[in-house]
Amino acid sequence: MSFDTIVKGGTVVDGSGLPMRRADVGIRDGLVTDIGRLSGARRTIDADGLVVMPGIVDVHTHYDPQLSFEPFATSSCYHGVTSVVAGNCGYSIAPCRAEDREWVTALFAKVEGMTPSVLRSGLPWDWDSFPSFLDVLDRRLGINAAVYVGHSALRRFVMGDAASERAATADELEQMRRLVRAAMAAGAAGFSSSQAPTHTDQLGRPVPSRHAAFDEVLALAEAAGEGGAGSIAFLAETAVQGYDARDRERLVELAHRSGLPVVVQGMGFRPGARERWEDQTSFLAAARERGAAIYSMLRTQPFMRPFNWRRGTSLYDGVFHWRGLSALPAAERMARMRDPSFREDLRDGLDHPNTDPKQGSTLPMPALDRVFVDRSRAHPEAVGKSLAALAKERRVHAADVMCELSLADGLETQFLWNSESPAWVDANAESQRNLHMIVGTGDGGAHADRDDGSEWSTYYLRSWVLDRKLVSLEDGVRRITHLPAMVTGLKARGLLARGYHADILVFDPARLALGRKELVRDMPGGEERWQVRPEGVVSVIVNGDPILEDGKLTGARPGRVLRVGNPA
């Protein structure tokens, strides 16, 4: 037999952007060895009428905790993702001292919306250093994973609780630089950090990376650059507001000092903000002229987040008075909603959301005309209507609408934040045309308490590529495979070409669609999380072995740690 596997008769879209073609893909020893008219394999996958493309590369995830006990990065694997980059926003699960395990668990639970009981039940904690974490992970994976070393983890490891209180001393900084060098020598994806005011820890304090002087961030990024590959993931203080002059210059400094691409967030075109978008694109072009490669993650799926006040929600963390409701027992939550004086506070909160990072999270709240009643036993006539429309119809404040509906249903009223609108579609389409944008931002592994962001890749292929035809299939595939692999330094990934690793997605373009979003209990600890699975994904292959066939996991674990930095 010439091949271990042949994917036969499909439409091959190879990830390069070149025209598609009908061909067979031959796999041997985990690599793509031939593409043409092939025969002689132990296993044949019939791809007649199907698209055969590289596995999707998701470069903004928080899967490093989950992958330590669940090898497939569910739910991303169901959507054709074969490689993830984890450890974003300065949060990595290593390095971590034994005495800090509970603190790190609580941090991930607070900042990334992970369920504490899942982490406490699942995390095996059989590592301490970053290199030992990669070694442990490498023996467990069903998909491939690269991992940033996170700034907050480094500070906590070196400084203890002082990491959440002050700047580092010269000696502490040098210790962190040594840890970064060791992580890169072991194959880290690079260095990540956050100075975003939305990032507060379990005690309401700024996360450790926010206590660092920017010179500290630069010094650690420079150490990462010595690894010779990878990227810097950085969330600036003014990312939500549009990046002020200081933060823009800092992004260029990060690129120059590290010699690596810098991946940021928040530079997409938002409806009604054309002037800011044009200002951002001119900055990105100017940075490119200065030799700084700066890319922004771009969310190309709308927010489609269901919530109710029985479970609570983090969508209102940036809104005074509302943000504390989720922490209360259900009975007290209902009592507060009935209290006339507190109801007045709730009205004021929606009218004046927090914009001061010193007073807690500044997370923007969902627009009132994009929050809909999704299910209500007591008031079925309200289903499908927005809070804004109901408030206008009933001549009351939107806070009163949400409270009265919730109270009538015993807090079981299901609301849905759906940010999709004609203006959003037009703005997002324009964002995608900019060469500095990276399609993604699913936040895989995080925030499953409020959504399943791993739906992004299926939404992108179905809605933007196949239906709206914003880009050709060839270019759409390139933008979620080869492009992110190149930016983040993943070796021999993201293409179907000779010598490249055989990470492959086979899907039916006629059937590809998102399924129904549901609450499932499939993690350690038995807590709920949102999950949406796709239809039309026929096969997902990692390093030559199918991990998914017709929507079901095979149990194979061929994944590897993608060692991006320069291994010693």
Protein backbone atom coordinates (compact mmCIF):
# COMPACT_ATOMS: atom_id res chain seq x y z
CA MET A 1 0.00 0.00 0.00
CA SER A 2 1.34 3.41 -0.97
CA PHE A 3 -0.80 5.37 1.49
CA ASP A 4 -2.28 4.98 4.92
CA THR A 5 -5.35 6.98 3.85
CA ILE A 6 -6.68 8.49 0.64
CA VAL A 7 -9.37 11.20 0.79
CA LYS A 8 -10.85 10.46 -2.61
CA GLY A 9 -12.72 12.47 -5.21
CA GLY A 10 -13.34 15.67 -3.28
CA THR A 11 -13.03 19.33 -4.21
CA VAL A 12 -9.64 20.22 -2.79
CA VAL A 13 -9.34 23.77 -1.47
CA ASP A 14 -5.73 23.72 -0.34
CA GLY A 15 -5.55 26.85 1.86
CA SER A 16 -3.17 28.78 -0.37
CA GLY A 17 -5.89 30.79 -2.08
CA LEU A 18 -5.18 29.09 -5.42
CA PRO A 19 -8.14 27.76 -7.44
CA MET A 20 -9.87 24.63 -6.16
CA ARG A 21 -9.64 21.33 -8.03
CA ARG A 22 -11.08 17.84 -8.01
CA ALA A 23 -8.39 15.51 -6.69
CA ASP A 24 -7.44 12.81 -4.21
CA VAL A 25 -5.30 13.55 -1.14
CA GLY A 26 -2.82 10.87 -0.08
CA ILE A 27 -1.65 10.57 3.53
CA ARG A 28 1.27 8.56 4.88
CA ASP A 29 2.84 8.70 8.35
CA GLY A 30 0.66 11.66 9.31
CA LEU A 31 1.74 13.81 6.36
CA VAL A 32 0.20 14.81 3.05
CA THR A 33 2.43 13.08 0.51
CA ASP A 34 0.55 13.40 -2.79
CA ILE A 35 -2.42 15.19 -4.35
CA GLY A 36 -3.70 13.88 -7.67
CA ARG A 37 -5.36 10.66 -8.91
CA LEU A 38 -4.28 8.13 -6.33
CA SER A 39 -4.85 4.50 -5.37
CA GLY A 40 -3.49 1.95 -2.92
CA ALA A 41 -4.46 2.78 0.67
CA ARG A 42 -5.45 0.89 3.79
CA ARG A 43 -8.31 3.34 4.30
CA THR A 44 -10.29 5.40 1.80
CA ILE A 45 -12.57 8.31 2.67
CA ASP A 46 -15.14 8.99 -0.03
CA ALA A 47 -15.27 12.77 -0.56
CA ASP A 48 -17.35 12.86 -3.75
CA GLY A 49 -19.40 16.08 -3.69
CA LEU A 50 -17.58 17.29 -0.60
CA VAL A 51 -15.03 20.03 0.12
CA VAL A 52 -11.61 18.88 1.33
CA MET A 53 -9.66 21.66 3.05
CA PRO A 54 -6.98 22.09 5.73
CA GLY A 55 -8.16 21.83 9.30
CA ILE A 56 -9.14 25.19 10.76
CA VAL A 57 -6.59 27.04 12.89
CA ASP A 58 -8.15 28.93 15.82
CA VAL A 59 -5.61 31.36 17.26
CA HIS A 60 -7.62 32.94 20.09
CA THR A 61 -8.71 30.30 22.59
CA HIS A 62 -8.47 29.52 26.29
CA TYR A 63 -8.39 25.76 25.94
CA ASP A 64 -5.22 25.14 27.96
CA PRO A 65 -7.11 24.26 31.19
CA GLN A 66 -9.70 22.10 29.42
CA LEU A 67 -7.16 20.24 27.27
CA SER A 68 -5.40 18.99 30.38
CA PHE A 69 -8.38 16.70 31.05
CA GLU A 70 -10.46 16.72 27.81
CA PRO A 71 -8.31 16.05 24.72
CA PHE A 72 -10.53 17.21 21.85
CA ALA A 73 -11.25 20.87 22.64
CA THR A 74 -14.98 20.36 22.45
CA SER A 75 -16.82 22.04 20.94
CA SER A 76 -14.26 23.36 18.43
CA CYS A 77 -13.33 19.95 17.04
CA TYR A 78 -16.94 19.41 15.90
CA HIS A 79 -16.60 22.51 13.71
CA GLY A 80 -13.43 21.36 11.92
CA VAL A 81 -10.80 23.01 14.11
CA THR A 82 -7.65 20.87 14.20
CA SER A 83 -5.19 23.32 15.82
CA VAL A 84 -5.78 25.85 18.59
CA VAL A 85 -3.59 28.51 20.16
CA ALA A 86 -4.33 28.82 23.89
CA GLY A 87 -2.99 30.90 26.78
CA ASN A 88 -4.32 34.20 25.42
CA CYS A 89 -4.86 37.46 27.34
CA GLY A 90 -2.03 36.76 29.77
CA TYR A 91 -3.78 33.72 31.29
CA SER A 92 -1.96 30.41 31.02
CA ILE A 93 -2.33 27.44 33.33
CA ALA A 94 1.47 27.34 33.74
CA PRO A 95 3.78 28.14 35.33
CA CYS A 96 1.96 27.55 38.59
CA ARG A 97 3.16 26.70 42.09
CA ALA A 98 1.23 24.09 44.07
CA GLU A 99 0.12 26.70 46.61
CA ASP A 100 -1.36 28.88 43.82
CA ARG A 101 -3.55 26.25 42.17
CA GLU A 102 -6.74 27.39 43.87
CA TRP A 103 -5.96 31.03 43.03
CA VAL A 104 -5.39 30.19 39.34
CA THR A 105 -8.59 28.13 39.26
CA ALA A 106 -10.57 31.04 40.70
CA LEU A 107 -8.93 33.47 38.25
CA PHE A 108 -9.92 31.41 35.19
CA ALA A 109 -13.42 31.01 36.62
CA LYS A 110 -13.81 34.77 37.07
CA VAL A 111 -12.09 36.20 34.02
CA GLU A 112 -12.87 33.53 31.43
CA GLY A 113 -16.23 32.34 32.70
CA MET A 114 -15.10 28.78 33.44
CA THR A 115 -17.07 26.81 36.00
CA PRO A 116 -15.02 26.39 39.22
CA SER A 117 -16.35 22.89 39.91
CA VAL A 118 -15.33 21.75 36.42
CA LEU A 119 -11.80 23.02 36.92
CA ARG A 120 -11.52 21.62 40.45
CA SER A 121 -12.77 18.22 39.30
CA GLY A 122 -10.86 18.10 36.03
CA LEU A 123 -7.46 19.75 36.39
CA PRO A 124 -4.88 17.03 37.18
CA TRP A 125 -2.16 19.54 38.19
CA ASP A 126 0.67 17.18 37.27
CA TRP A 127 2.93 20.04 36.20
CA ASP A 128 4.39 23.20 37.68
CA SER A 129 6.69 24.79 35.10
CA PHE A 130 5.62 25.78 31.60
CA PRO A 131 7.91 23.19 29.91
CA SER A 132 6.51 20.42 32.13
CA PHE A 133 2.96 21.51 31.21
CA LEU A 134 3.72 21.15 27.49
CA ASP A 135 5.25 17.72 28.09
CA VAL A 136 2.16 16.54 30.00
CA LEU A 137 -0.20 17.99 27.41
CA ASP A 138 1.65 16.36 24.53
CA ARG A 139 0.67 12.90 25.80
CA ARG A 140 -3.07 13.63 26.00
CA LEU A 141 -4.22 15.51 22.91
CA GLY A 142 -6.82 14.64 20.32
CA ILE A 143 -6.28 17.93 18.48
CA ASN A 144 -3.14 20.05 18.14
CA ALA A 145 -2.42 22.88 20.56
CA ALA A 146 0.09 25.70 20.82
CA VAL A 147 0.18 27.68 24.07
CA TYR A 148 1.29 31.20 24.95
CA VAL A 149 3.04 31.75 28.26
CA GLY A 150 0.80 34.23 30.08
CA HIS A 151 1.92 37.38 31.84
CA SER A 152 -0.42 37.04 34.83
CA ALA A 153 0.78 33.47 35.38
CA LEU A 154 4.42 34.58 35.26
CA ARG A 155 3.85 37.39 37.76
CA ARG A 156 2.00 35.16 40.19
CA PHE A 157 4.69 32.47 39.96
CA VAL A 158 7.50 34.96 40.69
CA MET A 159 5.80 37.51 42.96
CA GLY A 160 3.01 35.65 44.74
CA ASP A 161 0.15 37.87 45.89
CA ALA A 162 2.32 40.95 45.34
CA ALA A 163 1.69 40.36 41.62
CA SER A 164 -1.76 41.80 42.21
CA GLU A 165 -0.47 44.83 44.11
CA ARG A 166 2.62 46.44 42.55
CA ALA A 167 5.22 46.69 39.81
CA ALA A 168 7.99 44.09 39.65
CA THR A 169 11.49 44.75 40.96
CA ALA A 170 14.48 44.42 38.63
CA ASP A 171 15.26 41.00 40.09
CA GLU A 172 11.66 39.80 39.70
CA LEU A 173 11.61 41.00 36.10
CA GLU A 174 14.80 39.11 35.35
CA GLN A 175 13.28 35.96 36.86
CA MET A 176 10.27 36.37 34.57
CA ARG A 177 12.53 36.89 31.55
CA ARG A 178 14.30 33.62 32.35
CA LEU A 179 10.96 31.85 32.58
CA VAL A 180 9.90 33.24 29.20
CA ARG A 181 13.15 32.08 27.63
CA ALA A 182 12.65 28.60 29.11
CA ALA A 183 9.06 28.51 27.84
CA MET A 184 10.15 29.51 24.33
CA ALA A 185 12.94 26.93 24.37
CA ALA A 186 10.27 24.34 25.21
CA GLY A 187 8.15 25.52 22.29
CA ALA A 188 5.75 28.16 23.62
CA ALA A 189 3.65 30.01 21.05
CA GLY A 190 4.93 33.33 22.36
CA PHE A 191 3.97 35.73 25.14
CA SER A 192 0.52 37.10 25.99
CA SER A 193 -0.55 39.97 28.22
CA SER A 194 -3.54 42.16 29.02
CA GLN A 195 -3.96 45.67 30.36
CA ALA A 196 -7.70 45.76 29.59
CA PRO A 197 -9.84 47.38 32.32
CA THR A 198 -12.47 44.67 31.81
CA HIS A 199 -10.06 42.09 33.30
CA THR A 200 -10.49 41.91 37.06
CA ASP A 201 -9.70 38.95 39.32
CA GLN A 202 -11.87 36.97 41.73
CA LEU A 203 -11.42 39.63 44.42
CA GLY A 204 -12.35 42.49 42.11
CA ARG A 205 -8.74 43.63 41.71
CA PRO A 206 -7.02 44.28 38.38
CA VAL A 207 -5.45 41.03 37.15
CA PRO A 208 -1.67 40.78 37.76
CA SER A 209 -0.61 41.87 34.27
CA ARG A 210 -2.45 45.17 34.75
CA HIS A 211 -0.09 46.06 37.63
CA ALA A 212 2.93 45.86 35.31
CA ALA A 213 4.69 48.89 33.90
CA PHE A 214 4.77 48.76 30.11
CA ASP A 215 8.55 48.45 30.21
CA GLU A 216 7.96 45.07 31.88
CA VAL A 217 5.69 43.99 29.02
CA LEU A 218 8.34 45.08 26.51
CA ALA A 219 11.11 43.23 28.31
CA LEU A 220 9.12 39.99 28.37
CA ALA A 221 8.08 40.34 24.73
CA GLU A 222 11.74 40.87 23.84
CA ALA A 223 12.65 37.64 25.65
CA ALA A 224 9.94 35.82 23.70
CA GLY A 225 11.37 37.15 20.45
CA GLU A 226 14.65 35.43 21.24
CA GLY A 227 12.79 32.15 20.59
CA GLY A 228 12.88 32.94 16.89
CA ALA A 229 9.21 32.24 16.13
CA GLY A 230 5.71 32.78 17.44
CA SER A 231 3.78 35.95 18.19
CA ILE A 232 2.84 38.44 20.91
CA ALA A 233 -0.81 38.56 21.97
CA PHE A 234 -1.60 41.84 23.67
CA LEU A 235 -4.82 43.44 24.87
CA ALA A 236 -4.25 47.15 25.41
CA GLU A 237 -5.93 49.38 27.98
CA THR A 238 -7.85 51.38 25.36
CA ALA A 239 -8.74 48.50 23.02
CA VAL A 240 -12.48 48.91 23.67
CA GLN A 241 -12.34 52.68 23.13
CA GLY A 242 -10.35 52.39 19.89
CA TYR A 243 -6.64 52.57 20.90
CA ASP A 244 -5.33 55.99 21.88
CA ALA A 245 -2.02 57.42 20.65
CA ARG A 246 -0.05 55.96 23.56
CA ASP A 247 -1.35 52.42 23.03
CA ARG A 248 -0.77 52.61 19.29
CA GLU A 249 2.85 53.51 19.82
CA ARG A 250 3.13 50.69 22.34
CA LEU A 251 1.94 48.16 19.76
CA VAL A 252 4.67 49.29 17.39
CA GLU A 253 7.24 49.07 20.20
CA LEU A 254 6.14 45.51 20.98
CA ALA A 255 6.59 44.52 17.36
CA HIS A 256 10.01 46.16 17.10
CA ARG A 257 11.36 44.84 20.40
CA SER A 258 10.16 41.27 19.85
CA GLY A 259 10.60 40.98 16.09
CA LEU A 260 7.33 39.03 16.09
CA PRO A 261 3.81 39.68 14.80
CA VAL A 262 1.59 41.35 17.40
CA VAL A 263 -1.99 40.09 17.63
CA VAL A 264 -4.53 42.42 19.24
CA GLN A 265 -8.31 42.66 19.50
CA GLY A 266 -11.00 45.23 18.88
CA MET A 267 -10.02 46.94 15.62
CA GLY A 268 -13.05 45.95 13.59
CA PHE A 269 -15.50 48.40 12.00
CA ARG A 270 -18.52 48.89 14.24
CA PRO A 271 -21.81 50.31 12.96
CA GLY A 272 -21.89 54.07 13.24
CA ALA A 273 -18.14 54.37 13.86
CA ARG A 274 -16.71 54.91 10.39
CA GLU A 275 -14.39 57.71 11.46
CA ARG A 276 -12.80 55.50 14.11
CA TRP A 277 -12.48 52.59 11.66
CA GLU A 278 -10.74 54.75 9.06
CA ASP A 279 -8.44 56.09 11.77
CA GLN A 280 -7.56 52.54 12.84
CA THR A 281 -6.90 51.31 9.31
CA SER A 282 -4.61 54.25 8.63
CA PHE A 283 -2.70 53.40 11.81
CA LEU A 284 -2.33 49.75 10.76
CA ALA A 285 -1.03 50.80 7.35
CA ALA A 286 1.40 53.27 8.94
CA ALA A 287 2.61 50.62 11.38
CA ARG A 288 3.24 48.28 8.45
CA GLU A 289 5.33 50.97 6.76
CA ARG A 290 7.35 51.22 9.99
CA GLY A 291 8.06 47.50 9.93
CA ALA A 292 5.54 46.48 12.60
CA ALA A 293 3.23 43.58 11.75
CA ILE A 294 0.05 44.20 13.78
CA TYR A 295 -3.03 42.04 13.32
CA SER A 296 -6.42 42.29 14.97
CA MET A 297 -8.67 39.36 15.78
CA LEU A 298 -12.04 39.91 14.14
CA ARG A 299 -15.25 38.38 15.38
CA THR A 300 -17.26 37.56 12.24
CA GLN A 301 -20.23 35.90 13.94
CA PRO A 302 -22.82 37.98 15.78
CA PHE A 303 -23.28 37.53 19.49
CA MET A 304 -26.11 35.01 19.89
CA ARG A 305 -26.17 34.53 23.64
CA PRO A 306 -29.15 33.15 25.52
CA PHE A 307 -29.46 33.91 29.23
CA ASN A 308 -31.91 34.00 32.11
CA TRP A 309 -31.78 35.34 35.63
CA ARG A 310 -32.08 31.91 37.23
CA ARG A 311 -28.57 31.04 36.03
CA GLY A 312 -27.43 34.66 35.96
CA THR A 313 -25.21 36.18 33.30
CA SER A 314 -21.91 37.98 32.94
CA LEU A 315 -23.24 40.14 30.09
CA TYR A 316 -24.00 42.91 32.59
CA ASP A 317 -20.69 42.90 34.46
CA GLY A 318 -20.10 46.46 33.28
CA VAL A 319 -23.48 47.74 34.51
CA PHE A 320 -23.95 49.12 38.02
CA HIS A 321 -26.39 47.20 40.25
CA TRP A 322 -27.11 44.54 37.61
CA ARG A 323 -23.64 43.03 37.88
CA GLY A 324 -24.17 41.95 41.48
CA LEU A 325 -27.46 40.13 40.84
CA SER A 326 -25.87 36.96 39.47
CA ALA A 327 -23.99 36.36 42.72
CA LEU A 328 -27.16 36.41 44.85
CA PRO A 329 -29.35 33.43 45.77
CA ALA A 330 -32.42 33.20 43.53
CA ALA A 331 -34.84 34.27 46.27
CA GLU A 332 -32.81 37.39 47.06
CA ARG A 333 -32.45 38.14 43.36
CA MET A 334 -36.23 38.16 43.02
CA ALA A 335 -36.62 40.29 46.15
CA ARG A 336 -34.22 42.88 44.73
CA MET A 337 -36.10 42.96 41.43
CA ARG A 338 -39.37 43.63 43.33
CA ASP A 339 -37.86 46.33 45.60
CA PRO A 340 -39.00 49.76 44.26
CA SER A 341 -35.85 51.56 45.41
CA PHE A 342 -33.54 48.91 43.94
CA ARG A 343 -35.60 48.91 40.75
CA GLU A 344 -34.76 52.59 40.43
CA ASP A 345 -31.08 51.70 40.76
CA LEU A 346 -31.49 49.10 38.01
CA ARG A 347 -32.99 51.71 35.70
CA ASP A 348 -30.10 54.05 36.41
CA GLY A 349 -27.60 51.25 35.76
CA LEU A 350 -28.90 50.63 32.25
CA ASP A 351 -28.93 54.37 31.56
CA HIS A 352 -25.39 54.90 32.91
CA PRO A 353 -23.19 51.78 32.47
CA ASN A 354 -19.73 51.90 33.99
CA THR A 355 -16.96 53.59 31.98
CA ASP A 356 -14.47 53.98 34.84
CA PRO A 357 -12.10 50.99 35.23
CA LYS A 358 -11.47 52.04 38.84
CA GLN A 359 -15.08 51.13 39.60
CA GLY A 360 -14.89 47.64 38.11
CA SER A 361 -15.51 46.07 34.73
CA THR A 362 -16.29 48.38 31.80
CA LEU A 363 -17.71 45.58 29.64
CA PRO A 364 -20.21 47.22 27.25
CA MET A 365 -23.74 45.96 27.84
CA PRO A 366 -25.89 44.51 25.02
CA ALA A 367 -27.90 47.12 23.15
CA LEU A 368 -31.52 47.11 24.32
CA ASP A 369 -32.86 46.75 20.77
CA ARG A 370 -30.76 43.60 20.28
CA VAL A 371 -31.91 41.75 23.44
CA PHE A 372 -35.00 39.68 22.62
CA VAL A 373 -37.41 37.60 24.64
CA ASP A 374 -36.65 34.05 23.51
CA ARG A 375 -38.99 32.07 25.77
CA SER A 376 -41.61 33.03 28.37
CA ARG A 377 -44.36 30.84 29.80
CA ALA A 378 -46.16 33.70 31.50
CA HIS A 379 -45.94 36.17 28.60
CA PRO A 380 -45.78 34.30 25.27
CA GLU A 381 -46.93 37.48 23.51
CA ALA A 382 -43.53 39.02 24.33
CA VAL A 383 -41.51 36.30 22.57
CA GLY A 384 -39.54 37.64 19.62
CA LYS A 385 -39.74 41.25 20.76
CA SER A 386 -36.77 43.29 21.97
CA LEU A 387 -36.51 44.96 25.36
CA ALA A 388 -36.47 48.32 23.63
CA ALA A 389 -39.66 47.54 21.67
CA LEU A 390 -41.46 46.19 24.74
CA ALA A 391 -40.44 49.21 26.80
CA LYS A 392 -41.83 51.52 24.13
CA GLU A 393 -44.98 49.43 23.75
CA ARG A 394 -45.65 49.35 27.51
CA ARG A 395 -44.37 52.88 28.17
CA VAL A 396 -42.02 51.74 30.90
CA HIS A 397 -38.25 51.51 31.33
CA ALA A 398 -36.44 48.50 29.81
CA ALA A 399 -35.23 47.56 33.31
CA ASP A 400 -38.87 47.18 34.37
CA VAL A 401 -39.59 44.97 31.36
CA MET A 402 -36.73 42.60 32.17
CA CYS A 403 -37.61 42.45 35.85
CA GLU A 404 -41.37 41.94 35.38
CA LEU A 405 -40.93 39.20 32.76
CA SER A 406 -38.32 37.43 34.89
CA LEU A 407 -40.46 37.61 38.03
CA ALA A 408 -43.53 36.30 36.20
CA ASP A 409 -41.58 33.22 35.07
CA GLY A 410 -39.79 32.58 38.36
CA LEU A 411 -36.54 33.85 36.72
CA GLU A 412 -36.88 31.30 33.89
CA THR A 413 -37.61 33.84 31.12
CA GLN A 414 -35.01 33.21 28.44
CA PHE A 415 -33.58 36.29 26.77
CA LEU A 416 -31.39 36.24 23.69
CA TRP A 417 -28.76 38.79 22.79
CA ASN A 418 -28.46 38.72 19.00
CA SER A 419 -26.22 41.46 17.68
CA GLU A 420 -26.84 40.71 13.99
CA SER A 421 -28.40 43.56 12.05
CA PRO A 422 -28.06 44.93 8.49
CA ALA A 423 -25.70 47.61 9.79
CA TRP A 424 -23.59 44.96 11.55
CA VAL A 425 -23.41 42.85 8.38
CA ASP A 426 -22.21 45.82 6.30
CA ALA A 427 -19.65 46.89 8.89
CA ASN A 428 -18.29 43.40 9.42
CA ALA A 429 -17.97 42.82 5.69
CA GLU A 430 -15.86 45.95 5.37
CA SER A 431 -13.69 44.85 8.31
CA GLN A 432 -12.99 41.52 6.65
CA ARG A 433 -11.55 43.22 3.57
CA ASN A 434 -8.65 44.65 5.59
CA LEU A 435 -5.51 42.51 5.36
CA HIS A 436 -4.68 43.05 9.06
CA MET A 437 -7.79 41.21 10.28
CA ILE A 438 -7.69 37.57 11.45
CA VAL A 439 -11.06 35.82 11.34
CA GLY A 440 -11.85 34.16 14.66
CA THR A 441 -12.30 35.29 18.27
CA GLY A 442 -14.39 32.35 19.38
CA ASP A 443 -12.77 32.28 22.85
CA GLY A 444 -12.94 28.49 22.75
CA GLY A 445 -12.81 26.90 26.20
CA ALA A 446 -14.06 30.07 27.87
CA HIS A 447 -17.42 31.66 28.60
CA ALA A 448 -19.36 28.44 27.94
CA ASP A 449 -21.59 29.62 30.78
CA ARG A 450 -23.00 32.21 28.40
CA ASP A 451 -22.32 30.95 24.86
CA ASP A 452 -20.47 28.48 22.65
CA GLY A 453 -18.07 30.68 20.72
CA SER A 454 -16.63 27.73 18.83
CA GLU A 455 -19.51 28.13 16.37
CA TRP A 456 -17.54 30.91 14.66
CA SER A 457 -15.91 28.79 11.94
CA THR A 458 -19.13 27.12 10.78
CA TYR A 459 -20.91 30.48 10.81
CA TYR A 460 -18.08 32.01 8.77
CA LEU A 461 -18.04 29.29 6.10
CA ARG A 462 -21.83 29.06 5.86
CA SER A 463 -22.83 32.71 6.11
CA TRP A 464 -19.93 34.75 4.78
CA VAL A 465 -18.37 32.39 2.24
CA LEU A 466 -21.10 30.09 0.90
CA ASP A 467 -24.20 32.29 1.30
CA ARG A 468 -23.14 35.93 1.18
CA LYS A 469 -20.13 35.14 -1.03
CA LEU A 470 -18.15 38.00 0.47
CA VAL A 471 -14.99 36.14 -0.52
CA SER A 472 -14.34 33.13 -2.73
CA LEU A 473 -14.26 29.69 -1.13
CA GLU A 474 -10.53 29.57 -1.82
CA ASP A 475 -9.81 32.86 -0.06
CA GLY A 476 -12.25 32.15 2.76
CA VAL A 477 -10.47 28.88 3.50
CA ARG A 478 -7.06 30.57 3.31
CA ARG A 479 -8.14 33.13 5.91
CA ILE A 480 -8.99 30.50 8.54
CA THR A 481 -6.16 28.04 7.81
CA HIS A 482 -2.89 29.15 6.22
CA LEU A 483 -3.07 32.83 7.21
CA PRO A 484 -3.45 32.27 10.99
CA ALA A 485 -0.87 29.47 10.88
CA MET A 486 1.64 31.83 9.28
CA VAL A 487 0.94 34.71 11.66
CA THR A 488 1.38 32.54 14.75
CA GLY A 489 4.32 30.53 13.40
CA LEU A 490 2.74 27.07 13.25
CA LYS A 491 5.17 24.94 11.26
CA ALA A 492 3.81 22.99 8.26
CA ARG A 493 0.16 23.58 9.20
CA GLY A 494 -2.71 25.23 7.37
CA LEU A 495 -2.06 23.91 3.86
CA LEU A 496 -2.82 20.77 1.91
CA ALA A 497 0.57 20.37 0.27
CA ARG A 498 3.34 17.82 0.15
CA GLY A 499 5.19 17.54 3.44
CA TYR A 500 2.52 19.34 5.45
CA HIS A 501 0.86 17.65 8.40
CA ALA A 502 -2.39 15.95 7.40
CA ASP A 503 -4.86 18.10 9.34
CA ILE A 504 -8.00 18.01 7.19
CA LEU A 505 -11.65 19.04 7.29
CA VAL A 506 -14.12 17.35 4.94
CA PHE A 507 -17.56 18.97 4.76
CA ASP A 508 -20.70 18.96 2.64
CA PRO A 509 -21.31 22.49 1.33
CA ALA A 510 -24.97 21.69 0.71
CA ARG A 511 -25.61 20.67 4.33
CA LEU A 512 -23.19 22.78 6.35
CA ALA A 513 -25.15 24.65 9.01
CA LEU A 514 -25.27 25.42 12.71
CA GLY A 515 -27.47 23.16 14.79
CA ARG A 516 -29.53 24.20 17.80
CA LYS A 517 -27.78 25.75 20.77
CA GLU A 518 -28.40 23.68 23.88
CA LEU A 519 -27.32 23.36 27.50
CA VAL A 520 -25.31 20.17 28.03
CA ARG A 521 -23.68 18.54 31.07
CA ASP A 522 -20.60 16.81 29.68
CA MET A 523 -17.74 18.19 31.78
CA PRO A 524 -16.30 17.08 35.14
CA GLY A 525 -18.47 18.38 37.95
CA GLY A 526 -21.67 18.06 35.90
CA GLU A 527 -22.22 21.79 35.40
CA GLU A 528 -24.16 23.22 32.45
CA ARG A 529 -22.53 24.76 29.41
CA TRP A 530 -23.84 25.97 26.08
CA GLN A 531 -23.02 23.92 23.02
CA VAL A 532 -23.96 24.12 19.36
CA ARG A 533 -22.90 21.42 16.94
CA PRO A 534 -22.83 21.76 13.16
CA GLU A 535 -24.47 19.73 10.47
CA GLY A 536 -22.58 18.69 7.34
CA VAL A 537 -19.14 18.10 8.88
CA VAL A 538 -18.25 14.67 7.49
CA SER A 539 -14.71 14.08 8.75
CA VAL A 540 -12.05 15.84 10.81
CA ILE A 541 -8.53 14.43 10.49
CA VAL A 542 -5.61 15.31 12.77
CA ASN A 543 -2.08 14.23 11.84
CA GLY A 544 -3.52 11.67 9.44
CA ASP A 545 -6.04 10.05 11.82
CA PRO A 546 -9.79 10.81 11.82
CA ILE A 547 -10.92 12.13 15.20
CA LEU A 548 -14.47 12.86 14.01
CA GLU A 549 -16.65 10.94 11.56
CA ASP A 550 -20.19 12.10 10.75
CA GLY A 551 -20.32 14.28 13.85
CA LYS A 552 -19.11 11.65 16.31
CA LEU A 553 -15.73 11.39 17.99
CA THR A 554 -13.76 8.28 17.05
CA GLY A 555 -11.73 8.23 20.27
CA ALA A 556 -8.40 8.56 18.44
CA ARG A 557 -5.89 10.92 20.08
CA PRO A 558 -3.36 11.86 17.40
CA GLY A 559 -2.96 15.51 18.50
CA ARG A 560 0.35 17.06 19.41
CA VAL A 561 1.65 20.12 21.18
CA LEU A 562 2.73 22.51 18.45
CA ARG A 563 6.14 23.65 19.66
CA VAL A 564 6.42 27.05 18.05
CA GLY A 565 9.41 28.58 19.81
CA ASN A 566 12.91 27.31 19.22
CA PRO A 567 13.19 23.99 21.11
CA ALA A 568 16.47 23.59 22.97
